[in-house]
N, C-alpha and C. Protein backbone atom coordinates (compact mmCIF):
# COMPACT_ATOMS: atom_id res chain seq x y z
N MET A 1 80.51 145.60 -12.06
CA MET A 1 80.19 144.39 -11.35
C MET A 1 81.35 143.42 -11.55
N PHE A 2 81.61 142.61 -10.54
CA PHE A 2 82.71 141.65 -10.61
C PHE A 2 82.13 140.25 -10.82
N VAL A 3 82.36 139.70 -12.03
CA VAL A 3 81.81 138.40 -12.41
C VAL A 3 82.94 137.57 -13.01
N ALA A 4 83.10 136.35 -12.51
CA ALA A 4 84.16 135.47 -13.00
C ALA A 4 83.71 134.64 -14.20
N ARG A 5 82.47 134.13 -14.13
CA ARG A 5 82.00 133.29 -15.23
C ARG A 5 80.48 133.26 -15.26
N ILE A 6 80.00 133.01 -16.46
CA ILE A 6 78.58 132.84 -16.71
C ILE A 6 78.45 131.55 -17.52
N LEU A 7 77.72 130.57 -16.98
CA LEU A 7 77.60 129.28 -17.65
C LEU A 7 76.14 128.92 -17.85
N HIS A 8 75.85 128.26 -18.97
CA HIS A 8 74.51 127.79 -19.28
C HIS A 8 74.62 126.56 -20.16
N PRO A 9 73.87 125.52 -19.98
CA PRO A 9 72.89 125.35 -18.91
C PRO A 9 73.54 124.77 -17.65
N ILE A 10 73.09 125.23 -16.53
CA ILE A 10 73.45 124.68 -15.23
C ILE A 10 72.21 123.95 -14.74
N LYS A 11 72.36 122.67 -14.43
CA LYS A 11 71.21 121.86 -14.03
C LYS A 11 71.25 121.43 -12.57
N VAL A 12 72.34 121.74 -11.86
CA VAL A 12 72.48 121.26 -10.49
C VAL A 12 72.34 122.35 -9.43
N LEU A 13 72.18 123.59 -9.83
CA LEU A 13 72.08 124.70 -8.87
C LEU A 13 70.69 125.32 -8.87
N GLY A 14 69.69 124.50 -9.14
CA GLY A 14 68.31 124.96 -9.19
C GLY A 14 67.57 124.22 -10.28
N PRO A 15 66.25 124.41 -10.36
CA PRO A 15 65.45 123.66 -11.33
C PRO A 15 65.61 124.17 -12.76
N GLY A 16 65.59 123.25 -13.71
CA GLY A 16 65.60 123.59 -15.12
C GLY A 16 66.98 123.95 -15.65
N ASP A 17 66.98 124.55 -16.83
CA ASP A 17 68.21 125.02 -17.48
C ASP A 17 68.46 126.45 -17.06
N ARG A 18 69.39 126.61 -16.13
CA ARG A 18 69.63 127.91 -15.50
C ARG A 18 70.91 128.53 -16.03
N VAL A 19 71.00 129.82 -15.88
CA VAL A 19 72.24 130.55 -16.10
C VAL A 19 72.91 130.68 -14.74
N GLY A 20 74.12 130.14 -14.62
CA GLY A 20 74.89 130.28 -13.39
C GLY A 20 75.82 131.47 -13.52
N ILE A 21 75.78 132.34 -12.53
CA ILE A 21 76.61 133.56 -12.54
C ILE A 21 77.48 133.52 -11.29
N TRP A 22 78.81 133.43 -11.50
CA TRP A 22 79.76 133.38 -10.40
C TRP A 22 80.32 134.78 -10.15
N PHE A 23 79.91 135.37 -9.04
CA PHE A 23 80.40 136.67 -8.65
C PHE A 23 81.76 136.55 -7.98
N VAL A 24 82.50 137.65 -7.98
CA VAL A 24 83.83 137.67 -7.39
C VAL A 24 83.81 138.58 -6.17
N GLY A 25 84.47 138.12 -5.14
CA GLY A 25 84.57 138.87 -3.90
C GLY A 25 83.93 138.10 -2.77
N CYS A 26 84.69 137.85 -1.73
CA CYS A 26 84.15 137.21 -0.54
C CYS A 26 85.07 137.51 0.63
N LYS A 27 84.47 137.82 1.76
CA LYS A 27 85.23 138.13 2.97
C LYS A 27 85.06 137.06 4.05
N HIS A 28 84.30 136.01 3.75
CA HIS A 28 84.02 134.99 4.76
C HIS A 28 85.23 134.08 5.02
N GLY A 29 85.94 133.68 3.97
CA GLY A 29 87.10 132.80 4.13
C GLY A 29 86.75 131.44 4.70
N CYS A 30 85.66 130.87 4.26
CA CYS A 30 85.20 129.58 4.80
C CYS A 30 86.22 128.47 4.52
N ILE A 31 86.47 127.66 5.53
CA ILE A 31 87.31 126.48 5.35
C ILE A 31 86.58 125.53 4.41
N GLY A 32 87.29 125.04 3.40
CA GLY A 32 86.69 124.12 2.44
C GLY A 32 85.92 124.81 1.33
N CYS A 33 86.06 126.11 1.20
CA CYS A 33 85.37 126.86 0.15
C CYS A 33 85.64 126.22 -1.21
N SER A 34 84.60 126.10 -2.04
CA SER A 34 84.77 125.51 -3.36
C SER A 34 85.34 126.48 -4.38
N ASN A 35 85.37 127.77 -4.06
CA ASN A 35 85.88 128.77 -5.01
C ASN A 35 86.76 129.83 -4.36
N PRO A 36 87.82 129.43 -3.67
CA PRO A 36 88.65 130.45 -3.01
C PRO A 36 89.33 131.39 -4.00
N GLU A 37 89.45 130.97 -5.24
CA GLU A 37 90.03 131.84 -6.27
C GLU A 37 89.15 133.05 -6.58
N LEU A 38 87.92 133.04 -6.09
CA LEU A 38 86.99 134.14 -6.34
C LEU A 38 86.87 135.08 -5.15
N TRP A 39 87.70 134.96 -4.16
CA TRP A 39 87.61 135.82 -2.98
C TRP A 39 88.02 137.25 -3.27
N GLU A 40 89.06 137.45 -4.07
CA GLU A 40 89.61 138.79 -4.30
C GLU A 40 89.02 139.42 -5.57
N GLN A 41 88.51 140.63 -5.46
CA GLN A 41 87.92 141.33 -6.60
C GLN A 41 89.02 141.96 -7.46
N LEU A 42 89.58 141.15 -8.33
CA LEU A 42 90.63 141.63 -9.23
C LEU A 42 90.01 142.39 -10.39
N PRO A 43 90.72 143.40 -10.91
CA PRO A 43 90.19 144.21 -12.02
C PRO A 43 89.80 143.39 -13.25
N LYS A 44 90.47 142.28 -13.50
CA LYS A 44 90.17 141.47 -14.69
C LYS A 44 88.74 140.92 -14.67
N TYR A 45 88.10 140.88 -13.51
CA TYR A 45 86.74 140.37 -13.40
C TYR A 45 85.67 141.47 -13.49
N ASN A 46 86.07 142.70 -13.60
CA ASN A 46 85.13 143.82 -13.60
C ASN A 46 84.53 144.00 -14.99
N ILE A 47 83.20 143.86 -15.10
CA ILE A 47 82.52 144.10 -16.37
C ILE A 47 81.35 145.05 -16.10
N ASP A 48 80.97 145.79 -17.13
CA ASP A 48 79.83 146.68 -16.97
C ASP A 48 78.54 145.92 -17.28
N PHE A 49 77.42 146.49 -16.86
CA PHE A 49 76.15 145.78 -17.03
C PHE A 49 75.78 145.64 -18.50
N ALA A 50 76.14 146.58 -19.34
CA ALA A 50 75.82 146.48 -20.77
C ALA A 50 76.47 145.22 -21.37
N THR A 51 77.72 144.98 -21.04
CA THR A 51 78.42 143.78 -21.52
C THR A 51 77.77 142.52 -20.96
N PHE A 52 77.46 142.55 -19.68
CA PHE A 52 76.79 141.42 -19.04
C PHE A 52 75.47 141.11 -19.74
N LYS A 53 74.70 142.14 -20.01
CA LYS A 53 73.39 141.97 -20.65
C LYS A 53 73.53 141.35 -22.04
N ILE A 54 74.54 141.75 -22.79
CA ILE A 54 74.79 141.17 -24.11
C ILE A 54 75.08 139.68 -23.99
N LEU A 55 75.87 139.30 -23.00
CA LEU A 55 76.18 137.88 -22.80
C LEU A 55 74.91 137.07 -22.54
N ILE A 56 74.03 137.60 -21.70
CA ILE A 56 72.77 136.92 -21.40
C ILE A 56 71.88 136.87 -22.64
N GLU A 57 71.81 137.96 -23.38
CA GLU A 57 71.00 137.99 -24.61
C GLU A 57 71.49 136.97 -25.62
N ASN A 58 72.81 136.78 -25.71
CA ASN A 58 73.35 135.79 -26.64
C ASN A 58 72.95 134.37 -26.26
N ILE A 59 72.88 134.09 -24.97
CA ILE A 59 72.40 132.78 -24.52
C ILE A 59 70.94 132.62 -24.91
N LYS A 60 70.14 133.64 -24.65
CA LYS A 60 68.69 133.57 -24.88
C LYS A 60 68.34 133.41 -26.36
N LYS A 61 69.21 133.87 -27.25
CA LYS A 61 68.94 133.76 -28.69
C LYS A 61 68.81 132.31 -29.14
N THR A 62 69.54 131.40 -28.51
CA THR A 62 69.56 130.02 -28.98
C THR A 62 69.05 129.00 -27.96
N LYS A 63 68.88 129.42 -26.71
CA LYS A 63 68.50 128.46 -25.68
C LYS A 63 67.49 129.08 -24.72
N SER A 64 66.69 128.24 -24.08
CA SER A 64 65.75 128.78 -23.10
C SER A 64 66.44 128.92 -21.75
N ILE A 65 65.99 129.89 -20.99
CA ILE A 65 66.52 130.15 -19.66
C ILE A 65 65.37 129.96 -18.67
N ASP A 66 65.53 129.00 -17.77
CA ASP A 66 64.50 128.75 -16.76
C ASP A 66 64.70 129.56 -15.49
N GLY A 67 65.88 130.11 -15.31
CA GLY A 67 66.16 130.90 -14.12
C GLY A 67 67.63 131.24 -14.02
N PHE A 68 67.98 131.98 -12.99
CA PHE A 68 69.34 132.40 -12.74
C PHE A 68 69.77 131.93 -11.36
N THR A 69 71.01 131.45 -11.26
CA THR A 69 71.59 131.09 -9.98
C THR A 69 72.78 132.01 -9.74
N LEU A 70 72.73 132.78 -8.67
CA LEU A 70 73.81 133.69 -8.32
C LEU A 70 74.67 133.01 -7.26
N THR A 71 75.95 132.87 -7.55
CA THR A 71 76.85 132.20 -6.63
C THR A 71 78.18 132.93 -6.65
N GLY A 72 79.20 132.36 -6.10
CA GLY A 72 80.45 133.10 -6.09
C GLY A 72 81.59 132.32 -5.48
N GLY A 73 82.37 133.15 -4.91
CA GLY A 73 82.33 134.42 -4.24
C GLY A 73 81.02 134.60 -3.44
N GLU A 74 80.82 135.82 -3.10
CA GLU A 74 79.62 136.20 -2.34
C GLU A 74 78.88 137.29 -3.10
N PRO A 75 77.79 136.95 -3.80
CA PRO A 75 77.05 137.94 -4.58
C PRO A 75 76.60 139.15 -3.76
N PHE A 76 76.28 138.94 -2.49
CA PHE A 76 75.73 140.03 -1.68
C PHE A 76 76.77 141.03 -1.19
N LEU A 77 78.02 140.86 -1.61
CA LEU A 77 79.01 141.92 -1.39
C LEU A 77 78.84 143.04 -2.41
N GLN A 78 77.99 142.80 -3.40
CA GLN A 78 77.69 143.79 -4.43
C GLN A 78 76.19 144.10 -4.43
N PRO A 79 75.64 144.52 -3.30
CA PRO A 79 74.18 144.69 -3.21
C PRO A 79 73.63 145.73 -4.17
N GLN A 80 74.37 146.78 -4.42
CA GLN A 80 73.89 147.82 -5.34
C GLN A 80 73.72 147.25 -6.74
N VAL A 81 74.68 146.44 -7.18
CA VAL A 81 74.59 145.80 -8.49
C VAL A 81 73.35 144.92 -8.56
N LEU A 82 73.14 144.13 -7.54
CA LEU A 82 71.98 143.25 -7.53
C LEU A 82 70.68 144.04 -7.56
N ARG A 83 70.61 145.07 -6.75
CA ARG A 83 69.39 145.88 -6.64
C ARG A 83 69.09 146.61 -7.95
N GLU A 84 70.09 147.22 -8.54
CA GLU A 84 69.87 148.07 -9.72
C GLU A 84 69.72 147.28 -11.01
N ASN A 85 70.41 146.14 -11.11
CA ASN A 85 70.51 145.51 -12.42
C ASN A 85 69.77 144.21 -12.59
N PHE A 86 69.59 143.44 -11.53
CA PHE A 86 69.09 142.10 -11.74
C PHE A 86 67.59 141.99 -11.86
N ALA A 87 66.85 143.01 -11.52
CA ALA A 87 65.42 142.98 -11.76
C ALA A 87 65.14 142.88 -13.26
N ILE A 88 66.02 143.43 -14.06
CA ILE A 88 65.84 143.40 -15.51
C ILE A 88 65.96 141.98 -16.07
N LEU A 89 66.62 141.09 -15.38
CA LEU A 89 66.82 139.74 -15.89
C LEU A 89 65.52 138.94 -15.97
N LYS A 90 64.49 139.37 -15.29
CA LYS A 90 63.21 138.67 -15.34
C LYS A 90 62.69 138.56 -16.76
N ILE A 91 63.04 139.48 -17.62
CA ILE A 91 62.53 139.43 -19.00
C ILE A 91 63.09 138.25 -19.78
N TYR A 92 64.17 137.63 -19.29
CA TYR A 92 64.77 136.52 -20.01
C TYR A 92 64.23 135.16 -19.57
N ILE A 93 63.39 135.15 -18.56
CA ILE A 93 62.85 133.88 -18.07
C ILE A 93 61.48 133.63 -18.68
């Protein structure tokens, strides 16, 4: 999966103290995009789900998670990742 950053708490992208996950990769090229640096899926952003899960678990050890906000880039350029892996995140809410 291509992820640029994971931040917590995020309070402006949904209700409560959320985990913000910035995915990498976008083909839209919108004028005025707030994250054009995340358009290209560079290898440095590629992490496996096990590593990602550890990062989320480390947040959960000390802080509550009210939800997840998926942003980017365009998260839906990685539909298989979303389908296979993100259902498991419900256990952290």
